[in-house]
PDB file of N, CA and C in Angstrom:
ATOM      1  N   MET A   1     147.412  28.914-118.230  1.00  0.00           N
ATOM      2  CA  MET A   1     146.617  27.144-118.068  1.00  0.00           C
ATOM      3  C   MET A   1     146.752  28.502-116.064  1.00  0.00           C
ATOM      4  N   GLY A   2     145.771  27.503-115.764  1.00  0.00           N
ATOM      5  CA  GLY A   2     146.189  26.876-114.482  1.00  0.00           C
ATOM      6  C   GLY A   2     146.000  25.473-113.798  1.00  0.00           C
ATOM      7  N   TYR A   3     145.808  25.623-111.794  1.00  0.00           N
ATOM      8  CA  TYR A   3     145.226  23.391-112.031  1.00  0.00           C
ATOM      9  C   TYR A   3     144.828  24.059-110.713  1.00  0.00           C
ATOM     10  N   ALA A   4     143.964  22.976-111.127  1.00  0.00           N
ATOM     11  CA  ALA A   4     143.017  22.929-109.349  1.00  0.00           C
ATOM     12  C   ALA A   4     143.358  21.181-109.127  1.00  0.00           C
ATOM     13  N   GLY A   5     143.489  21.482-107.783  1.00  0.00           N
ATOM     14  CA  GLY A   5     143.475  19.776-107.407  1.00  0.00           C
ATOM     15  C   GLY A   5     143.027  20.061-105.796  1.00  0.00           C
ATOM     16  N   TRP A   6     142.873  19.145-104.898  1.00  0.00           N
ATOM     17  CA  TRP A   6     143.214  18.846-103.644  1.00  0.00           C
ATOM     18  C   TRP A   6     144.142  18.324-102.923  1.00  0.00           C
ATOM     19  N   GLY A   7     144.115  19.223-101.973  1.00  0.00           N
ATOM     20  CA  GLY A   7     145.471  18.494-101.262  1.00  0.00           C
ATOM     21  C   GLY A   7     145.589  17.362-100.077  1.00  0.00           C
ATOM     22  N   PRO A   8     146.506  16.965 -99.438  1.00  0.00           N
ATOM     23  CA  PRO A   8     145.476  15.723 -98.262  1.00  0.00           C
ATOM     24  C   PRO A   8     144.690  16.680 -97.117  1.00  0.00           C
ATOM     25  N   GLY A   9     143.288  15.874 -97.297  1.00  0.00           N
ATOM     26  CA  GLY A   9     142.657  16.330 -96.467  1.00  0.00           C
ATOM     27  C   GLY A   9     141.757  17.586 -96.383  1.00  0.00           C
ATOM     28  N   GLN A  10     142.281  18.093 -98.068  1.00  0.00           N
ATOM     29  CA  GLN A  10     141.577  19.277 -97.362  1.00  0.00           C
ATOM     30  C   GLN A  10     140.347  19.350 -98.639  1.00  0.00           C
ATOM     31  N   LEU A  11     139.650  18.149 -99.407  1.00  0.00           N
ATOM     32  CA  LEU A  11     138.477  17.778 -99.699  1.00  0.00           C
ATOM     33  C   LEU A  11     137.066  17.813 -98.352  1.00  0.00           C
ATOM     34  N   ASP A  12     137.883  16.691 -97.203  1.00  0.00           N
ATOM     35  CA  ASP A  12     136.766  16.626 -96.324  1.00  0.00           C
ATOM     36  C   ASP A  12     137.499  18.109 -95.343  1.00  0.00           C
ATOM     37  N   ALA A  13     137.761  19.067 -95.322  1.00  0.00           N
ATOM     38  CA  ALA A  13     138.180  20.088 -94.179  1.00  0.00           C
ATOM     39  C   ALA A  13     136.733  21.119 -94.921  1.00  0.00           C
ATOM     40  N   GLU A  14     137.206  21.352 -96.167  1.00  0.00           N
ATOM     41  CA  GLU A  14     136.239  22.306 -96.950  1.00  0.00           C
ATOM     42  C   GLU A  14     134.435  21.363 -96.188  1.00  0.00           C
ATOM     43  N   LEU A  15     134.287  20.304 -96.433  1.00  0.00           N
ATOM     44  CA  LEU A  15     132.998  19.315 -96.325  1.00  0.00           C
ATOM     45  C   LEU A  15     132.430  19.870 -94.757  1.00  0.00           C
ATOM     46  N   ARG A  16     133.661  19.499 -93.824  1.00  0.00           N
ATOM     47  CA  ARG A  16     133.460  20.402 -92.281  1.00  0.00           C
ATOM     48  C   ARG A  16     132.624  21.406 -92.410  1.00  0.00           C
ATOM     49  N   GLU A  17     134.027  22.918 -93.307  1.00  0.00           N
ATOM     50  CA  GLU A  17     133.575  24.125 -93.531  1.00  0.00           C
ATOM     51  C   GLU A  17     132.775  24.595 -94.084  1.00  0.00           C
ATOM     52  N   SER A  18     131.917  23.419 -94.788  1.00  0.00           N
ATOM     53  CA  SER A  18     130.474  23.603 -95.603  1.00  0.00           C
ATOM     54  C   SER A  18     130.861  24.537 -96.572  1.00  0.00           C
ATOM     55  N   ALA A  19     131.202  24.125 -97.122  1.00  0.00           N
ATOM     56  CA  ALA A  19     132.400  25.484 -98.096  1.00  0.00           C
ATOM     57  C   ALA A  19     131.439  24.872 -99.752  1.00  0.00           C
ATOM     58  N   TRP A  20     130.384  23.757 -99.494  1.00  0.00           N
ATOM     59  CA  TRP A  20     130.605  23.042-101.153  1.00  0.00           C
ATOM     60  C   TRP A  20     129.115  23.045-100.181  1.00  0.00           C
ATOM     61  N   LEU A  21     127.755  23.783-101.064  1.00  0.00           N
ATOM     62  CA  LEU A  21     126.849  22.696-101.113  1.00  0.00           C
ATOM     63  C   LEU A  21     126.398  21.679-102.185  1.00  0.00           C
ATOM     64  N   ILE A  22     125.938  20.987-101.069  1.00  0.00           N
ATOM     65  CA  ILE A  22     124.781  19.394-101.635  1.00  0.00           C
ATOM     66  C   ILE A  22     124.277  19.582-101.248  1.00  0.00           C
ATOM     67  N   MET A  23     123.581  18.178-102.231  1.00  0.00           N
ATOM     68  CA  MET A  23     121.842  18.348-102.404  1.00  0.00           C
ATOM     69  C   MET A  23     122.201  17.110-102.711  1.00  0.00           C
ATOM     70  N   GLN A  24     120.868  15.707-102.459  1.00  0.00           N
ATOM     71  CA  GLN A  24     120.643  14.672-103.145  1.00  0.00           C
ATOM     72  C   GLN A  24     120.606  14.500-104.441  1.00  0.00           C
ATOM     73  N   ILE A  25     121.229  13.613-104.847  1.00  0.00           N
ATOM     74  CA  ILE A  25     120.889  13.251-106.410  1.00  0.00           C
ATOM     75  C   ILE A  25     119.979  13.750-107.684  1.00  0.00           C
ATOM     76  N   GLU A  26     119.903  14.157-108.076  1.00  0.00           N
ATOM     77  CA  GLU A  26     117.955  14.712-109.054  1.00  0.00           C
ATOM     78  C   GLU A  26     118.700  13.712-110.393  1.00  0.00           C
ATOM     79  N   LEU A  27     118.246  13.048-111.074  1.00  0.00           N
ATOM     80  CA  LEU A  27     118.597  12.419-112.843  1.00  0.00           C
ATOM     81  C   LEU A  27     118.272  13.194-113.508  1.00  0.00           C
ATOM     82  N   ASP A  28     116.287  14.224-113.758  1.00  0.00           N
ATOM     83  CA  ASP A  28     116.651  14.967-114.632  1.00  0.00           C
ATOM     84  C   ASP A  28     117.104  16.172-114.107  1.00  0.00           C
ATOM     85  N   LEU A  29     118.410  16.815-113.019  1.00  0.00           N
ATOM     86  CA  LEU A  29     118.815  17.480-113.175  1.00  0.00           C
ATOM     87  C   LEU A  29     120.312  16.974-114.211  1.00  0.00           C
ATOM     88  N   ILE A  30     120.679  15.795-113.735  1.00  0.00           N
ATOM     89  CA  ILE A  30     121.891  15.703-115.000  1.00  0.00           C
ATOM     90  C   ILE A  30     121.095  15.318-116.728  1.00  0.00           C
ATOM     91  N   PHE A  31     120.058  14.410-116.191  1.00  0.00           N
ATOM     92  CA  PHE A  31     119.941  13.613-117.469  1.00  0.00           C
ATOM     93  C   PHE A  31     118.864  15.187-118.805  1.00  0.00           C
ATOM     94  N   GLU A  32     117.940  16.032-117.813  1.00  0.00           N
ATOM     95  CA  GLU A  32     116.666  16.476-118.672  1.00  0.00           C
ATOM     96  C   GLU A  32     117.138  17.936-118.973  1.00  0.00           C
ATOM     97  N   VAL A  33     118.087  18.460-117.389  1.00  0.00           N
ATOM     98  CA  VAL A  33     118.251  20.134-117.861  1.00  0.00           C
ATOM     99  C   VAL A  33     119.433  20.628-118.696  1.00  0.00           C
ATOM    100  N   PRO A  34     118.910  21.631-119.160  1.00  0.00           N
ATOM    101  CA  PRO A  34     120.449  21.821-120.357  1.00  0.00           C
ATOM    102  C   PRO A  34     121.584  22.329-119.739  1.00  0.00           C
ATOM    103  N   PRO A  35     122.817  21.937-120.315  1.00  0.00           N
ATOM    104  CA  PRO A  35     124.300  22.241-119.222  1.00  0.00           C
ATOM    105  C   PRO A  35     124.133  23.172-118.979  1.00  0.00           C
ATOM    106  N   ALA A  36     123.551  24.907-120.116  1.00  0.00           N
ATOM    107  CA  ALA A  36     123.773  26.019-119.611  1.00  0.00           C
ATOM    108  C   ALA A  36     122.731  26.696-118.382  1.00  0.00           C
ATOM    109  N   ASN A  37     121.722  25.467-117.902  1.00  0.00           N
ATOM    110  CA  ASN A  37     121.107  26.030-117.397  1.00  0.00           C
ATOM    111  C   ASN A  37     120.893  24.923-115.425  1.00  0.00           C
ATOM    112  N   MET A  38     122.122  23.914-116.001  1.00  0.00           N
ATOM    113  CA  MET A  38     121.813  23.473-114.488  1.00  0.00           C
ATOM    114  C   MET A  38     122.607  24.104-113.424  1.00  0.00           C
ATOM    115  N   TRP A  39     123.742  24.725-113.166  1.00  0.00           N
ATOM    116  CA  TRP A  39     124.346  25.183-111.400  1.00  0.00           C
ATOM    117  C   TRP A  39     122.861  26.148-111.147  1.00  0.00           C
ATOM    118  N   GLU A  40     121.938  26.866-112.567  1.00  0.00           N
ATOM    119  CA  GLU A  40     120.948  27.759-112.150  1.00  0.00           C
ATOM    120  C   GLU A  40     119.823  26.596-111.222  1.00  0.00           C
ATOM    121  N   THR A  41     119.443  26.147-111.523  1.00  0.00           N
ATOM    122  CA  THR A  41     118.749  24.705-111.249  1.00  0.00           C
ATOM    123  C   THR A  41     118.993  24.082-110.194  1.00  0.00           C
ATOM    124  N   ALA A  42     119.927  23.855-109.981  1.00  0.00           N
ATOM    125  CA  ALA A  42     120.662  23.728-108.644  1.00  0.00           C
ATOM    126  C   ALA A  42     120.463  24.732-107.451  1.00  0.00           C
ATOM    127  N   ILE A  43     120.983  25.611-108.057  1.00  0.00           N
ATOM    128  CA  ILE A  43     121.255  26.512-107.117  1.00  0.00           C
ATOM    129  C   ILE A  43     119.425  26.649-106.246  1.00  0.00           C
ATOM    130  N   ARG A  44     118.461  26.803-107.487  1.00  0.00           N
ATOM    131  CA  ARG A  44     117.512  27.013-106.989  1.00  0.00           C
ATOM    132  C   ARG A  44     116.155  25.977-105.669  1.00  0.00           C
ATOM    133  N   ARG A  45     116.977  24.952-107.084  1.00  0.00           N
ATOM    134  CA  ARG A  45     115.983  24.004-105.604  1.00  0.00           C
ATOM    135  C   ARG A  45     116.415  23.376-104.684  1.00  0.00           C
ATOM    136  N   LEU A  46     117.916  24.442-104.789  1.00  0.00           N
ATOM    137  CA  LEU A  46     118.668  24.041-102.596  1.00  0.00           C
ATOM    138  C   LEU A  46     117.432  25.742-102.304  1.00  0.00           C
ATOM    139  N   GLY A  47     116.838  26.038-102.334  1.00  0.00           N
ATOM    140  CA  GLY A  47     116.354  27.614-101.948  1.00  0.00           C
ATOM    141  C   GLY A  47     117.056  28.402-102.352  1.00  0.00           C
ATOM    142  N   ALA A  48     117.711  29.518-103.206  1.00  0.00           N
ATOM    143  CA  ALA A  48     118.915  30.171-103.202  1.00  0.00           C
ATOM    144  C   ALA A  48     118.647  30.678-104.324  1.00  0.00           C
ATOM    145  N   GLU A  49     118.490  31.892-104.148  1.00  0.00           N
ATOM    146  CA  GLU A  49     118.067  32.521-105.413  1.00  0.00           C
ATOM    147  C   GLU A  49     120.192  32.926-105.685  1.00  0.00           C
ATOM    148  N   PRO A  50     120.003  33.137-107.014  1.00  0.00           N
ATOM    149  CA  PRO A  50     121.602  32.736-107.305  1.00  0.00           C
ATOM    150  C   PRO A  50     122.187  34.145-107.602  1.00  0.00           C
ATOM    151  N   GLY A  51     121.174  35.230-107.821  1.00  0.00           N
ATOM    152  CA  GLY A  51     121.514  36.758-107.738  1.00  0.00           C
ATOM    153  C   GLY A  51     122.420  37.147-105.970  1.00  0.00           C
ATOM    154  N   SER A  52     121.244  36.084-104.899  1.00  0.00           N
ATOM    155  CA  SER A  52     122.440  36.874-103.935  1.00  0.00           C
ATOM    156  C   SER A  52     123.426  36.222-103.377  1.00  0.00           C
ATOM    157  N   LEU A  53     124.058  35.404-104.176  1.00  0.00           N
ATOM    158  CA  LEU A  53     125.446  34.213-103.873  1.00  0.00           C
ATOM    159  C   LEU A  53     126.027  35.004-104.201  1.00  0.00           C
ATOM    160  N   GLN A  54     127.191  35.539-103.438  1.00  0.00           N
ATOM    161  CA  GLN A  54     128.491  36.808-103.745  1.00  0.00           C
ATOM    162  C   GLN A  54     129.634  35.101-104.966  1.00  0.00           C
ATOM    163  N   MET A  55     130.076  35.698-105.607  1.00  0.00           N
ATOM    164  CA  MET A  55     130.749  35.047-106.292  1.00  0.00           C
ATOM    165  C   MET A  55     132.554  34.882-106.249  1.00  0.00           C
ATOM    166  N   SER A  56     132.826  36.181-105.339  1.00  0.00           N
ATOM    167  CA  SER A  56     134.304  36.636-105.666  1.00  0.00           C
ATOM    168  C   SER A  56     134.472  36.541-104.447  1.00  0.00           C
ATOM    169  N   PRO A  57     135.515  36.691-103.525  1.00  0.00           N
ATOM    170  CA  PRO A  57     136.984  36.089-102.711  1.00  0.00           C
ATOM    171  C   PRO A  57     136.466  37.385-101.486  1.00  0.00           C
ATOM    172  N   GLY A  58     137.014  36.988 -99.849  1.00  0.00           N
ATOM    173  CA  GLY A  58     136.268  38.245 -99.723  1.00  0.00           C
ATOM    174  C   GLY A  58     135.360  37.927 -98.571  1.00  0.00           C
ATOM    175  N   VAL A  59     134.936  39.543 -97.423  1.00  0.00           N
ATOM    176  CA  VAL A  59     134.001  38.998 -96.928  1.00  0.00           C
ATOM    177  C   VAL A  59     132.958  39.986 -97.288  1.00  0.00           C
ATOM    178  N   HIS A  60     131.661  39.610 -97.201  1.00  0.00           N
ATOM    179  CA  HIS A  60     130.971  39.779 -97.999  1.00  0.00           C
ATOM    180  C   HIS A  60     129.677  40.130 -96.730  1.00  0.00           C
TER     181      HIS A  60
END
């Protein structure tokens, strides 16, 4: 088991550090894209190639 949560001010700090990829709401992404494809579709709409993103911690 694990735990995920935010401490006071953590989310605001992460947003200031650009630790999150954010975009405008696109209803088709929520209601029409199959759940298994949502992440890749959203990343591509941001103009990124999913395979080029690093998913592990550390310096890349």
